[in-house]
Amino acid sequence: MKKQTMTETQTENNQEDTKLTKEWINRTLKKIHREMVELFHIDFTYFRDIKIIKQSEVLKQLTKRMRNNLEENGVIYNDIQWKQIRESLSKNRVTDFLENLAFYNPKDDVLCMSEKMITNHPEKIIPICTHELSEKLLLTHLSTPPKTPARAMVEAYIEAKKIDDARKLYELLSAYTDVVFKNVFKEGCCEAIAFQTLRRIGYEKEVASLEKELLVGHSKCIDVLFDLDNIKRSVEDTDKRRIWLSEQRQGARVMDEGKILKEILRSSQIIKGCSYYLGYPLAKAVVEKYGIRGVKLALEKYPPRKARYFADPKAYLAWLEEPVALTEQRR
């Protein structure tokens, strides 16, 4: 009989550990899923399978999803362009974001999670995976799934190359900012739903710690949403000045679209990495006051389109009060 080497023994032990970890995650998440269905009165299915994947595979999977989504909508890029996109996503803060990532593809209904998260941050496994359960609940509840931030970022990158005047650029930025803000709010809603569920089943201390972390992160990152607002406003002001100068026959100011695009993409990368922080306080306020119906109304018809709403949730709640009342009257 062949004697096993130390490396082969370690590999078998690692595989057995991974199997046991996967079984534990699966049992725990199934319990959380049942509680979530009961708490929010929304019947949605559990994941078809769970996979633990290596770090290199995480970026590969996400890029593949982005590419498939864009191609389904008629947006085609060559391999060189996709290489540039992958390089962009693999830099700076995004790398740290991918390390603590779990995600699922609605098409195959498989929950994937980073092996590094399980190895380096086991305390984050259940909260992060519960967030994915919350997102699955929302997708079941919403009539039209919102665009993902990554897809929106790539589409904006593509469309911005076609811009030839300030008015078109402003329209693009307005639409793009709406998508970004809507997704920041959605991610915050997933956290709020997850935290309510975890509190219900005895994770009070863990939720309190995570909530404190989110609120600290929110205070540090909120300016990035105002950056988007300010960029959009500066483009609008530039367009107004251009029109005035043209009317005065003094010539029009030429915009540096490339510089603006870089600023937008820089802000978007930061936002992607801290969207939970940015969206949580506002989402928590909506969930606590209006419940899951309020979340549905906000995401589908009245999303928060201003940075100040994320800094001051009371202002958004006041603005949302009338639409909620009208919706309730029609029920």
Protein backbone atom coordinates (compact mmCIF):
# COMPACT_ATOMS: atom_id res chain seq x y z
CA MET A 1 0.00 0.00 0.00
CA LYS A 2 1.28 3.42 -0.96
CA LYS A 3 2.24 5.59 1.99
CA GLN A 4 0.58 9.00 1.97
CA THR A 5 2.78 12.06 1.89
CA MET A 6 2.32 14.91 4.36
CA THR A 7 0.95 17.12 1.56
CA GLU A 8 -1.65 14.51 0.58
CA THR A 9 -2.70 14.09 4.21
CA GLN A 10 -3.05 17.87 4.65
CA THR A 11 -5.11 18.07 1.46
CA GLU A 12 -7.49 15.37 2.71
CA ASN A 13 -7.81 17.09 6.08
CA ASN A 14 -8.53 20.43 4.39
CA GLN A 15 -11.16 18.82 2.19
CA GLU A 16 -12.81 17.22 5.23
CA ASP A 17 -12.74 20.55 7.10
CA THR A 18 -14.30 22.29 4.11
CA LYS A 19 -17.03 19.64 3.92
CA LEU A 20 -17.87 20.01 7.62
CA THR A 21 -17.85 23.81 7.35
CA LYS A 22 -20.19 23.68 4.35
CA GLU A 23 -22.59 21.36 6.22
CA TRP A 24 -22.62 23.69 9.24
CA ILE A 25 -23.25 26.77 7.06
CA ASN A 26 -26.05 24.95 5.24
CA ARG A 27 -27.82 23.87 8.46
CA THR A 28 -27.53 27.34 10.01
CA LEU A 29 -28.72 29.17 6.90
CA LYS A 30 -31.72 26.86 6.48
CA LYS A 31 -32.79 27.75 10.01
CA ILE A 32 -32.32 31.47 9.27
CA HIS A 33 -34.27 31.07 6.02
CA ARG A 34 -37.26 29.61 7.88
CA GLU A 35 -37.19 32.46 10.40
CA MET A 36 -36.97 35.07 7.62
CA VAL A 37 -40.00 33.64 5.82
CA GLU A 38 -42.00 33.71 9.04
CA LEU A 39 -40.85 37.19 10.09
CA PHE A 40 -41.50 38.99 6.80
CA HIS A 41 -44.35 36.79 5.48
CA ILE A 42 -42.64 36.30 2.12
CA ASP A 43 -42.28 32.72 0.90
CA PHE A 44 -39.09 32.33 -1.10
CA THR A 45 -36.93 29.30 -1.86
CA TYR A 46 -33.64 28.39 -0.24
CA PHE A 47 -30.41 28.11 -2.29
CA ARG A 48 -30.10 25.07 -4.54
CA ASP A 49 -26.49 24.54 -3.45
CA ILE A 50 -23.58 26.13 -1.58
CA LYS A 51 -20.03 26.35 -2.95
CA ILE A 52 -16.80 27.49 -1.29
CA ILE A 53 -14.49 28.88 -3.97
CA LYS A 54 -10.91 30.14 -4.13
CA GLN A 55 -10.09 33.85 -4.35
CA SER A 56 -9.07 33.71 -8.02
CA GLU A 57 -12.38 32.09 -8.88
CA VAL A 58 -14.40 34.85 -7.17
CA LEU A 59 -13.28 37.55 -9.62
CA LYS A 60 -13.64 35.15 -12.54
CA GLN A 61 -17.23 34.30 -11.58
CA LEU A 62 -18.24 37.93 -11.07
CA THR A 63 -16.70 39.05 -14.36
CA LYS A 64 -18.46 36.21 -16.19
CA ARG A 65 -21.80 37.29 -14.73
CA MET A 66 -21.21 40.89 -15.77
CA ARG A 67 -20.28 39.82 -19.29
CA ASN A 68 -23.32 37.56 -19.67
CA ASN A 69 -25.67 40.27 -18.38
CA LEU A 70 -24.31 42.87 -20.79
CA GLU A 71 -24.32 40.53 -23.79
CA GLU A 72 -27.97 39.65 -23.09
CA ASN A 73 -28.70 43.36 -23.49
CA GLY A 74 -26.75 43.67 -26.73
CA VAL A 75 -23.56 45.17 -25.27
CA ILE A 76 -20.57 43.28 -26.70
CA TYR A 77 -16.88 43.81 -25.82
CA ASN A 78 -13.77 42.10 -27.04
CA ASP A 79 -11.33 40.17 -24.86
CA ILE A 80 -8.92 43.11 -24.57
CA GLN A 81 -11.67 45.36 -23.18
CA TRP A 82 -12.73 42.69 -20.68
CA LYS A 83 -9.12 42.29 -19.59
CA GLN A 84 -9.05 46.02 -18.81
CA ILE A 85 -12.31 45.74 -16.84
CA ARG A 86 -10.96 42.78 -14.83
CA GLU A 87 -7.78 44.70 -14.06
CA SER A 88 -9.84 47.67 -12.88
CA LEU A 89 -11.99 45.48 -10.62
CA SER A 90 -8.95 43.71 -9.14
CA LYS A 91 -7.25 46.90 -7.91
CA ASN A 92 -7.37 48.98 -4.76
CA ARG A 93 -10.28 48.52 -2.38
CA VAL A 94 -12.07 45.98 -4.58
CA THR A 95 -9.50 43.28 -3.71
CA ASP A 96 -10.33 43.55 0.01
CA PHE A 97 -14.02 43.57 -0.85
CA LEU A 98 -13.70 40.30 -2.80
CA GLU A 99 -11.95 38.58 0.12
CA ASN A 100 -15.05 38.86 2.33
CA LEU A 101 -17.57 38.11 -0.38
CA ALA A 102 -20.49 35.76 -0.76
CA PHE A 103 -22.85 35.99 -3.71
CA TYR A 104 -25.40 33.96 -5.59
CA ASN A 105 -26.50 33.85 -9.20
CA PRO A 106 -30.31 33.77 -9.53
CA LYS A 107 -29.94 31.73 -12.73
CA ASP A 108 -28.30 28.71 -11.09
CA ASP A 109 -29.41 29.56 -7.53
CA VAL A 110 -26.03 28.62 -6.05
CA LEU A 111 -24.54 30.54 -3.11
CA CYS A 112 -20.78 31.02 -3.56
CA MET A 113 -18.48 32.27 -0.84
CA SER A 114 -14.82 33.11 -0.71
CA GLU A 115 -12.55 30.50 0.83
CA LYS A 116 -10.48 33.32 2.33
CA MET A 117 -13.47 34.64 4.26
CA ILE A 118 -13.99 31.24 5.87
CA THR A 119 -10.31 30.92 6.71
CA ASN A 120 -9.57 34.47 7.85
CA HIS A 121 -12.93 35.79 9.07
CA PRO A 122 -15.17 32.91 10.25
CA GLU A 123 -17.18 35.33 12.42
CA LYS A 124 -18.45 37.03 9.24
CA ILE A 125 -19.77 33.89 7.53
CA ILE A 126 -23.32 33.91 8.92
CA PRO A 127 -23.97 37.70 8.74
CA ILE A 128 -22.66 37.89 5.15
CA CYS A 129 -24.58 34.80 4.01
CA THR A 130 -27.72 36.05 5.75
CA HIS A 131 -27.33 39.24 3.72
CA GLU A 132 -27.49 37.06 0.57
CA LEU A 133 -30.65 35.39 1.87
CA SER A 134 -32.11 38.87 2.37
CA GLU A 135 -31.25 39.79 -1.20
CA LYS A 136 -32.96 36.62 -2.41
CA LEU A 137 -36.05 37.62 -0.43
CA LEU A 138 -36.03 41.09 -2.00
CA LEU A 139 -35.66 39.74 -5.55
CA THR A 140 -38.68 37.52 -4.89
CA HIS A 141 -40.65 40.47 -3.54
CA LEU A 142 -39.75 43.10 -6.16
CA SER A 143 -41.51 43.26 -9.53
CA THR A 144 -38.35 44.24 -11.44
CA PRO A 145 -34.87 43.42 -10.10
CA PRO A 146 -32.63 46.53 -10.02
CA LYS A 147 -29.38 46.67 -11.98
CA THR A 148 -26.28 45.64 -10.09
CA PRO A 149 -23.69 48.33 -9.22
CA ALA A 150 -20.96 46.51 -11.17
CA ARG A 151 -23.11 46.28 -14.27
CA ALA A 152 -24.13 49.93 -13.97
CA MET A 153 -20.48 50.93 -13.64
CA VAL A 154 -19.51 49.06 -16.82
CA GLU A 155 -22.48 50.45 -18.76
CA ALA A 156 -21.57 53.98 -17.69
CA TYR A 157 -17.96 53.36 -18.71
CA ILE A 158 -19.20 52.25 -22.13
CA GLU A 159 -21.73 55.01 -22.69
CA ALA A 160 -19.45 57.80 -21.50
CA LYS A 161 -17.13 57.13 -24.43
CA LYS A 162 -19.95 58.22 -26.76
CA ILE A 163 -20.54 61.57 -25.04
CA ASP A 164 -19.96 64.72 -27.09
CA ASP A 165 -21.63 67.46 -25.06
CA ALA A 166 -22.40 68.46 -21.51
CA ARG A 167 -26.16 67.94 -21.77
CA LYS A 168 -25.79 64.29 -22.76
CA LEU A 169 -23.17 63.77 -20.10
CA TYR A 170 -25.46 65.29 -17.47
CA GLU A 171 -28.32 63.00 -18.53
CA LEU A 172 -26.00 60.01 -18.29
CA LEU A 173 -24.73 61.02 -14.87
CA SER A 174 -28.27 61.60 -13.61
CA ALA A 175 -29.38 58.13 -14.71
CA TYR A 176 -26.20 56.54 -13.43
CA THR A 177 -26.37 58.28 -10.04
CA ASP A 178 -29.97 57.10 -9.66
CA VAL A 179 -28.83 53.51 -10.22
CA VAL A 180 -25.95 53.85 -7.75
CA PHE A 181 -28.11 55.43 -5.03
CA LYS A 182 -30.85 52.85 -5.56
CA ASN A 183 -28.38 50.00 -5.20
CA VAL A 184 -26.76 51.54 -2.13
CA PHE A 185 -30.23 51.68 -0.58
CA LYS A 186 -30.97 48.08 -1.66
CA GLU A 187 -27.76 46.81 -0.04
CA GLY A 188 -28.67 48.68 3.13
CA CYS A 189 -32.13 47.08 3.06
CA CYS A 190 -30.55 43.63 2.81
CA GLU A 191 -28.50 44.41 5.92
CA ALA A 192 -31.55 45.74 7.80
CA ILE A 193 -33.59 42.62 6.91
CA ALA A 194 -30.68 40.34 7.85
CA PHE A 195 -30.14 42.07 11.19
CA GLN A 196 -33.81 41.90 12.13
CA THR A 197 -33.79 38.17 11.42
CA LEU A 198 -30.54 37.51 13.30
CA ARG A 199 -31.79 39.42 16.35
CA ARG A 200 -34.92 37.27 16.34
CA ILE A 201 -32.90 34.05 16.67
CA GLY A 202 -30.49 35.17 19.37
CA TYR A 203 -27.63 36.97 17.61
CA GLU A 204 -28.17 40.22 19.53
CA LYS A 205 -24.53 40.76 20.54
CA GLU A 206 -23.20 39.97 17.07
CA VAL A 207 -25.71 42.31 15.43
CA ALA A 208 -24.92 45.11 17.89
CA SER A 209 -21.22 44.82 17.06
CA LEU A 210 -21.85 44.75 13.31
CA GLU A 211 -24.31 47.63 13.50
CA LYS A 212 -21.74 49.74 15.35
CA GLU A 213 -19.20 48.93 12.63
CA LEU A 214 -21.66 49.97 9.91
CA LEU A 215 -22.50 53.27 11.58
CA VAL A 216 -18.83 54.16 12.04
CA GLY A 217 -18.18 53.26 8.40
CA HIS A 218 -21.16 55.36 7.33
CA SER A 219 -19.83 58.48 9.03
CA LYS A 220 -16.45 58.00 7.35
CA CYS A 221 -17.77 57.27 3.84
CA ILE A 222 -20.90 59.39 3.40
CA ASP A 223 -19.00 62.18 1.61
CA VAL A 224 -18.49 59.92 -1.41
CA LEU A 225 -22.22 60.12 -2.22
CA PHE A 226 -22.07 63.90 -2.05
CA ASP A 227 -19.11 63.69 -4.45
CA LEU A 228 -21.42 62.12 -7.06
CA ASP A 229 -24.04 64.80 -6.44
CA ASN A 230 -21.42 67.53 -6.80
CA ILE A 231 -19.96 66.11 -10.02
CA LYS A 232 -23.42 65.92 -11.56
CA ARG A 233 -24.18 69.48 -10.44
CA SER A 234 -20.90 70.79 -11.84
CA VAL A 235 -21.68 69.24 -15.24
CA GLU A 236 -25.12 70.84 -15.23
CA ASP A 237 -23.62 74.23 -14.31
CA THR A 238 -21.03 73.85 -17.06
CA ASP A 239 -23.75 73.17 -19.60
CA LYS A 240 -25.66 76.28 -18.50
CA ARG A 241 -22.51 78.38 -18.82
CA ARG A 242 -21.81 76.90 -22.25
CA ILE A 243 -25.29 77.85 -23.45
CA TRP A 244 -24.94 81.38 -22.04
CA LEU A 245 -21.51 81.84 -23.63
CA SER A 246 -22.80 80.61 -26.96
CA GLU A 247 -25.67 83.08 -26.80
CA GLN A 248 -23.14 85.85 -26.07
CA ARG A 249 -21.02 84.59 -29.00
CA GLN A 250 -17.99 84.19 -26.81
CA GLY A 251 -17.54 80.50 -27.58
CA ALA A 252 -18.37 77.45 -25.51
CA ARG A 253 -16.30 75.87 -22.82
CA VAL A 254 -14.91 72.48 -23.76
CA MET A 255 -15.47 69.82 -21.11
CA ASP A 256 -12.91 67.22 -20.11
CA GLU A 257 -15.20 64.19 -20.22
CA GLY A 258 -12.30 61.84 -19.58
CA LYS A 259 -11.45 63.54 -16.30
CA ILE A 260 -15.10 63.49 -15.21
CA LEU A 261 -15.38 59.81 -16.10
CA LYS A 262 -12.31 58.96 -14.01
CA GLU A 263 -13.79 60.79 -11.03
CA ILE A 264 -17.08 58.92 -11.42
CA LEU A 265 -15.37 55.53 -11.67
CA ARG A 266 -13.13 56.33 -8.69
CA SER A 267 -16.17 57.21 -6.59
CA SER A 268 -18.02 54.12 -7.84
CA GLN A 269 -15.22 51.78 -6.78
CA ILE A 270 -15.26 53.25 -3.28
CA ILE A 271 -19.06 53.11 -3.12
CA LYS A 272 -19.09 49.47 -4.19
CA GLY A 273 -16.78 48.57 -1.34
CA CYS A 274 -18.78 50.39 1.35
CA SER A 275 -22.38 50.33 0.05
CA TYR A 276 -23.56 48.44 3.16
CA TYR A 277 -22.25 51.23 5.38
CA LEU A 278 -23.75 53.96 3.22
CA GLY A 279 -27.20 52.44 2.86
CA TYR A 280 -27.81 50.89 6.26
CA PRO A 281 -28.97 53.86 8.42
CA LEU A 282 -31.53 54.98 5.82
CA ALA A 283 -32.70 51.43 5.10
CA LYS A 284 -33.04 50.62 8.79
CA ALA A 285 -35.25 53.70 9.26
CA VAL A 286 -37.50 52.65 6.35
CA VAL A 287 -37.76 49.02 7.48
CA GLU A 288 -38.57 50.00 11.07
CA LYS A 289 -41.22 52.57 10.11
CA TYR A 290 -42.81 51.08 6.98
CA GLY A 291 -41.73 47.43 6.96
CA ILE A 292 -41.10 45.35 3.86
CA ARG A 293 -43.93 47.06 1.96
CA GLY A 294 -42.17 50.38 2.44
CA VAL A 295 -38.96 48.90 1.09
CA LYS A 296 -40.77 47.62 -2.00
CA LEU A 297 -42.39 51.01 -2.61
CA ALA A 298 -39.09 52.84 -2.15
CA LEU A 299 -37.11 50.58 -4.47
CA GLU A 300 -39.71 50.34 -7.22
CA LYS A 301 -41.22 53.82 -7.33
CA TYR A 302 -39.61 56.30 -4.94
CA PRO A 303 -35.90 55.52 -4.53
CA PRO A 304 -33.71 58.00 -2.61
CA ARG A 305 -32.07 60.04 -5.38
CA LYS A 306 -30.20 62.55 -3.22
CA ALA A 307 -27.11 62.10 -1.11
CA ARG A 308 -28.66 64.13 1.71
CA TYR A 309 -31.29 61.42 2.26
CA PHE A 310 -28.53 58.96 3.19
CA ALA A 311 -27.05 61.51 5.60
CA ASP A 312 -30.45 62.48 7.04
CA PRO A 313 -32.93 59.53 6.97
CA LYS A 314 -35.66 61.64 8.60
CA ALA A 315 -35.82 63.86 5.50
CA TYR A 316 -36.43 60.83 3.28
CA LEU A 317 -39.01 59.34 5.66
CA ALA A 318 -40.92 62.63 5.56
CA TRP A 319 -40.77 62.66 1.74
CA LEU A 320 -41.91 59.02 1.56
CA GLU A 321 -44.80 59.48 3.99
CA GLU A 322 -47.34 60.71 1.41
CA PRO A 323 -46.66 57.96 -1.19
CA VAL A 324 -46.95 55.31 1.55
CA ALA A 325 -50.25 56.77 2.76
CA LEU A 326 -51.67 56.85 -0.77
CA THR A 327 -50.58 53.26 -1.37
CA GLU A 328 -52.23 52.12 1.85
CA GLN A 329 -55.49 53.85 0.86
CA ARG A 330 -55.58 51.87 -2.41
CA ARG A 331 -55.10 48.53 -0.66
